[in-house]
Amino acid sequence: EKDVFGNIEVPMQKVGKLIVPDAKEVKINNRARSAKLRIATLKK
């Protein structure tokens, strides 16, 4: 399927939960508060 610009859309599938920094990491690195790691795989 193509999007509005004619590019082929690549569907992604989530592989687990959102990973956020723990309190220790935030204390060491204050900017880590907004960090969120998302993991996905390509569907075929």
PDB file of N, CA and C in Angstrom:
ATOM      1  N   GLU A   1       0.845  -1.174   0.000  1.00  0.00           N
ATOM      2  CA  GLU A   1       0.000   0.000   0.000  1.00  0.00           C
ATOM      3  C   GLU A   1       0.895   1.243   0.000  1.00  0.00           C
ATOM      4  N   LYS A   2       0.450   2.283  -0.695  1.00  0.00           N
ATOM      5  CA  LYS A   2       1.241   3.508  -0.794  1.00  0.00           C
ATOM      6  C   LYS A   2       0.599   4.633   0.004  1.00  0.00           C
ATOM      7  N   ASP A   3       1.440   5.559   0.484  1.00  0.00           N
ATOM      8  CA  ASP A   3       0.926   6.708   1.222  1.00  0.00           C
ATOM      9  C   ASP A   3       0.604   7.844   0.258  1.00  0.00           C
ATOM     10  N   VAL A   4       0.312   9.013   0.783  1.00  0.00           N
ATOM     11  CA  VAL A   4      -0.089  10.177  -0.001  1.00  0.00           C
ATOM     12  C   VAL A   4       0.993  10.590  -1.002  1.00  0.00           C
ATOM     13  N   PHE A   5       2.265  10.410  -0.635  1.00  0.00           N
ATOM     14  CA  PHE A   5       3.365  10.835  -1.487  1.00  0.00           C
ATOM     15  C   PHE A   5       3.823   9.751  -2.465  1.00  0.00           C
ATOM     16  N   GLY A   6       3.183   8.597  -2.468  1.00  0.00           N
ATOM     17  CA  GLY A   6       3.539   7.525  -3.380  1.00  0.00           C
ATOM     18  C   GLY A   6       4.603   6.586  -2.845  1.00  0.00           C
ATOM     19  N   ASN A   7       5.026   6.774  -1.589  1.00  0.00           N
ATOM     20  CA  ASN A   7       6.014   5.887  -0.985  1.00  0.00           C
ATOM     21  C   ASN A   7       5.330   4.632  -0.461  1.00  0.00           C
ATOM     22  N   ILE A   8       6.013   3.521  -0.560  1.00  0.00           N
ATOM     23  CA  ILE A   8       5.463   2.271  -0.054  1.00  0.00           C
ATOM     24  C   ILE A   8       5.567   2.274   1.467  1.00  0.00           C
ATOM     25  N   GLU A   9       4.436   2.030   2.136  1.00  0.00           N
ATOM     26  CA  GLU A   9       4.423   1.995   3.596  1.00  0.00           C
ATOM     27  C   GLU A   9       4.998   0.670   4.075  1.00  0.00           C
ATOM     28  N   VAL A  10       5.857   0.739   5.087  1.00  0.00           N
ATOM     29  CA  VAL A  10       6.459  -0.459   5.651  1.00  0.00           C
ATOM     30  C   VAL A  10       5.823  -0.707   7.014  1.00  0.00           C
ATOM     31  N   PRO A  11       4.961  -1.699   7.108  1.00  0.00           N
ATOM     32  CA  PRO A  11       4.307  -1.959   8.388  1.00  0.00           C
ATOM     33  C   PRO A  11       5.295  -2.518   9.415  1.00  0.00           C
ATOM     34  N   MET A  12       5.176  -2.046  10.634  1.00  0.00           N
ATOM     35  CA  MET A  12       6.050  -2.483  11.712  1.00  0.00           C
ATOM     36  C   MET A  12       5.218  -3.207  12.766  1.00  0.00           C
ATOM     37  N   GLN A  13       5.856  -4.139  13.461  1.00  0.00           N
ATOM     38  CA  GLN A  13       5.202  -4.866  14.534  1.00  0.00           C
ATOM     39  C   GLN A  13       5.980  -4.647  15.823  1.00  0.00           C
ATOM     40  N   LYS A  14       5.288  -4.246  16.887  1.00  0.00           N
ATOM     41  CA  LYS A  14       5.948  -4.020  18.173  1.00  0.00           C
ATOM     42  C   LYS A  14       6.501  -5.327  18.725  1.00  0.00           C
ATOM     43  N   VAL A  15       7.689  -5.215  19.360  1.00  0.00           N
ATOM     44  CA  VAL A  15       8.333  -6.387  19.954  1.00  0.00           C
ATOM     45  C   VAL A  15       8.578  -6.095  21.429  1.00  0.00           C
ATOM     46  N   GLY A  16       7.562  -6.047  22.204  1.00  0.00           N
ATOM     47  CA  GLY A  16       7.739  -5.807  23.636  1.00  0.00           C
ATOM     48  C   GLY A  16       7.291  -4.424  24.051  1.00  0.00           C
ATOM     49  N   LYS A  17       7.652  -4.105  25.292  1.00  0.00           N
ATOM     50  CA  LYS A  17       7.194  -2.862  25.904  1.00  0.00           C
ATOM     51  C   LYS A  17       8.123  -1.695  25.608  1.00  0.00           C
ATOM     52  N   LEU A  18       7.656  -0.530  25.961  1.00  0.00           N
ATOM     53  CA  LEU A  18       8.437   0.693  25.919  1.00  0.00           C
ATOM     54  C   LEU A  18       9.462   0.636  27.048  1.00  0.00           C
ATOM     55  N   ILE A  19      10.729   0.945  26.757  1.00  0.00           N
ATOM     56  CA  ILE A  19      11.779   0.917  27.772  1.00  0.00           C
ATOM     57  C   ILE A  19      12.132   2.351  28.147  1.00  0.00           C
ATOM     58  N   VAL A  20      12.025   2.655  29.432  1.00  0.00           N
ATOM     59  CA  VAL A  20      12.334   3.991  29.945  1.00  0.00           C
ATOM     60  C   VAL A  20      13.464   3.876  30.969  1.00  0.00           C
ATOM     61  N   PRO A  21      14.223   4.948  31.180  1.00  0.00           N
ATOM     62  CA  PRO A  21      15.330   4.888  32.141  1.00  0.00           C
ATOM     63  C   PRO A  21      14.827   4.770  33.582  1.00  0.00           C
ATOM     64  N   ASP A  22      15.627   4.108  34.420  1.00  0.00           N
ATOM     65  CA  ASP A  22      15.257   3.992  35.828  1.00  0.00           C
ATOM     66  C   ASP A  22      15.703   5.236  36.600  1.00  0.00           C
ATOM     67  N   ALA A  23      15.353   5.296  37.861  1.00  0.00           N
ATOM     68  CA  ALA A  23      15.639   6.475  38.682  1.00  0.00           C
ATOM     69  C   ALA A  23      17.136   6.747  38.797  1.00  0.00           C
ATOM     70  N   LYS A  24      17.935   5.684  38.842  1.00  0.00           N
ATOM     71  CA  LYS A  24      19.390   5.847  38.953  1.00  0.00           C
ATOM     72  C   LYS A  24      19.952   6.544  37.712  1.00  0.00           C
ATOM     73  N   GLU A  25      19.496   6.128  36.539  1.00  0.00           N
ATOM     74  CA  GLU A  25      19.959   6.737  35.289  1.00  0.00           C
ATOM     75  C   GLU A  25      19.548   8.205  35.217  1.00  0.00           C
ATOM     76  N   VAL A  26      18.326   8.515  35.620  1.00  0.00           N
ATOM     77  CA  VAL A  26      17.842   9.900  35.585  1.00  0.00           C
ATOM     78  C   VAL A  26      18.651  10.773  36.543  1.00  0.00           C
ATOM     79  N   LYS A  27      19.028  10.204  37.689  1.00  0.00           N
ATOM     80  CA  LYS A  27      19.823  10.962  38.656  1.00  0.00           C
ATOM     81  C   LYS A  27      21.201  11.289  38.078  1.00  0.00           C
ATOM     82  N   ILE A  28      21.808  10.338  37.358  1.00  0.00           N
ATOM     83  CA  ILE A  28      23.122  10.548  36.745  1.00  0.00           C
ATOM     84  C   ILE A  28      23.015  11.481  35.540  1.00  0.00           C
ATOM     85  N   ASN A  29      21.993  11.245  34.700  1.00  0.00           N
ATOM     86  CA  ASN A  29      21.816  11.993  33.459  1.00  0.00           C
ATOM     87  C   ASN A  29      20.396  12.564  33.433  1.00  0.00           C
ATOM     88  N   ASN A  30      20.237  13.830  33.776  1.00  0.00           N
ATOM     89  CA  ASN A  30      18.920  14.462  33.893  1.00  0.00           C
ATOM     90  C   ASN A  30      18.143  14.446  32.576  1.00  0.00           C
ATOM     91  N   ARG A  31      18.834  14.535  31.441  1.00  0.00           N
ATOM     92  CA  ARG A  31      18.130  14.569  30.152  1.00  0.00           C
ATOM     93  C   ARG A  31      17.545  13.213  29.769  1.00  0.00           C
ATOM     94  N   ALA A  32      17.888  12.174  30.494  1.00  0.00           N
ATOM     95  CA  ALA A  32      17.345  10.845  30.216  1.00  0.00           C
ATOM     96  C   ALA A  32      15.864  10.744  30.584  1.00  0.00           C
ATOM     97  N   ARG A  33      15.322  11.748  31.279  1.00  0.00           N
ATOM     98  CA  ARG A  33      13.908  11.713  31.686  1.00  0.00           C
ATOM     99  C   ARG A  33      12.978  11.531  30.500  1.00  0.00           C
ATOM    100  N   SER A  34      13.320  12.099  29.362  1.00  0.00           N
ATOM    101  CA  SER A  34      12.430  12.038  28.203  1.00  0.00           C
ATOM    102  C   SER A  34      12.759  10.877  27.263  1.00  0.00           C
ATOM    103  N   ALA A  35      13.751  10.060  27.596  1.00  0.00           N
ATOM    104  CA  ALA A  35      14.162   8.962  26.713  1.00  0.00           C
ATOM    105  C   ALA A  35      13.149   7.824  26.753  1.00  0.00           C
ATOM    106  N   LYS A  36      12.808   7.309  25.562  1.00  0.00           N
ATOM    107  CA  LYS A  36      11.923   6.160  25.445  1.00  0.00           C
ATOM    108  C   LYS A  36      12.427   5.294  24.293  1.00  0.00           C
ATOM    109  N   LEU A  37      12.705   4.029  24.570  1.00  0.00           N
ATOM    110  CA  LEU A  37      13.204   3.113  23.555  1.00  0.00           C
ATOM    111  C   LEU A  37      12.065   2.232  23.085  1.00  0.00           C
ATOM    112  N   ARG A  38      11.813   2.260  21.781  1.00  0.00           N
ATOM    113  CA  ARG A  38      10.769   1.432  21.182  1.00  0.00           C
ATOM    114  C   ARG A  38      11.435   0.436  20.245  1.00  0.00           C
ATOM    115  N   ILE A  39      10.995  -0.822  20.303  1.00  0.00           N
ATOM    116  CA  ILE A  39      11.584  -1.870  19.481  1.00  0.00           C
ATOM    117  C   ILE A  39      10.500  -2.430  18.564  1.00  0.00           C
ATOM    118  N   ALA A  40      10.847  -2.598  17.276  1.00  0.00           N
ATOM    119  CA  ALA A  40       9.886  -3.119  16.307  1.00  0.00           C
ATOM    120  C   ALA A  40      10.611  -3.955  15.261  1.00  0.00           C
ATOM    121  N   THR A  41       9.875  -4.841  14.613  1.00  0.00           N
ATOM    122  CA  THR A  41      10.396  -5.615  13.496  1.00  0.00           C
ATOM    123  C   THR A  41       9.528  -5.341  12.276  1.00  0.00           C
ATOM    124  N   LEU A  42      10.097  -5.553  11.116  1.00  0.00           N
ATOM    125  CA  LEU A  42       9.349  -5.374   9.877  1.00  0.00           C
ATOM    126  C   LEU A  42       8.447  -6.572   9.641  1.00  0.00           C
ATOM    127  N   LYS A  43       7.199  -6.318   9.275  1.00  0.00           N
ATOM    128  CA  LYS A  43       6.285  -7.391   8.886  1.00  0.00           C
ATOM    129  C   LYS A  43       6.562  -7.736   7.433  1.00  0.00           C
ATOM    130  N   LYS A  44       6.358  -8.976   7.103  1.00  0.00           N
ATOM    131  CA  LYS A  44       6.541  -9.379   5.701  1.00  0.00           C
ATOM    132  C   LYS A  44       5.243  -9.813   5.104  1.00  0.00           C
TER     133      LYS A  44
END
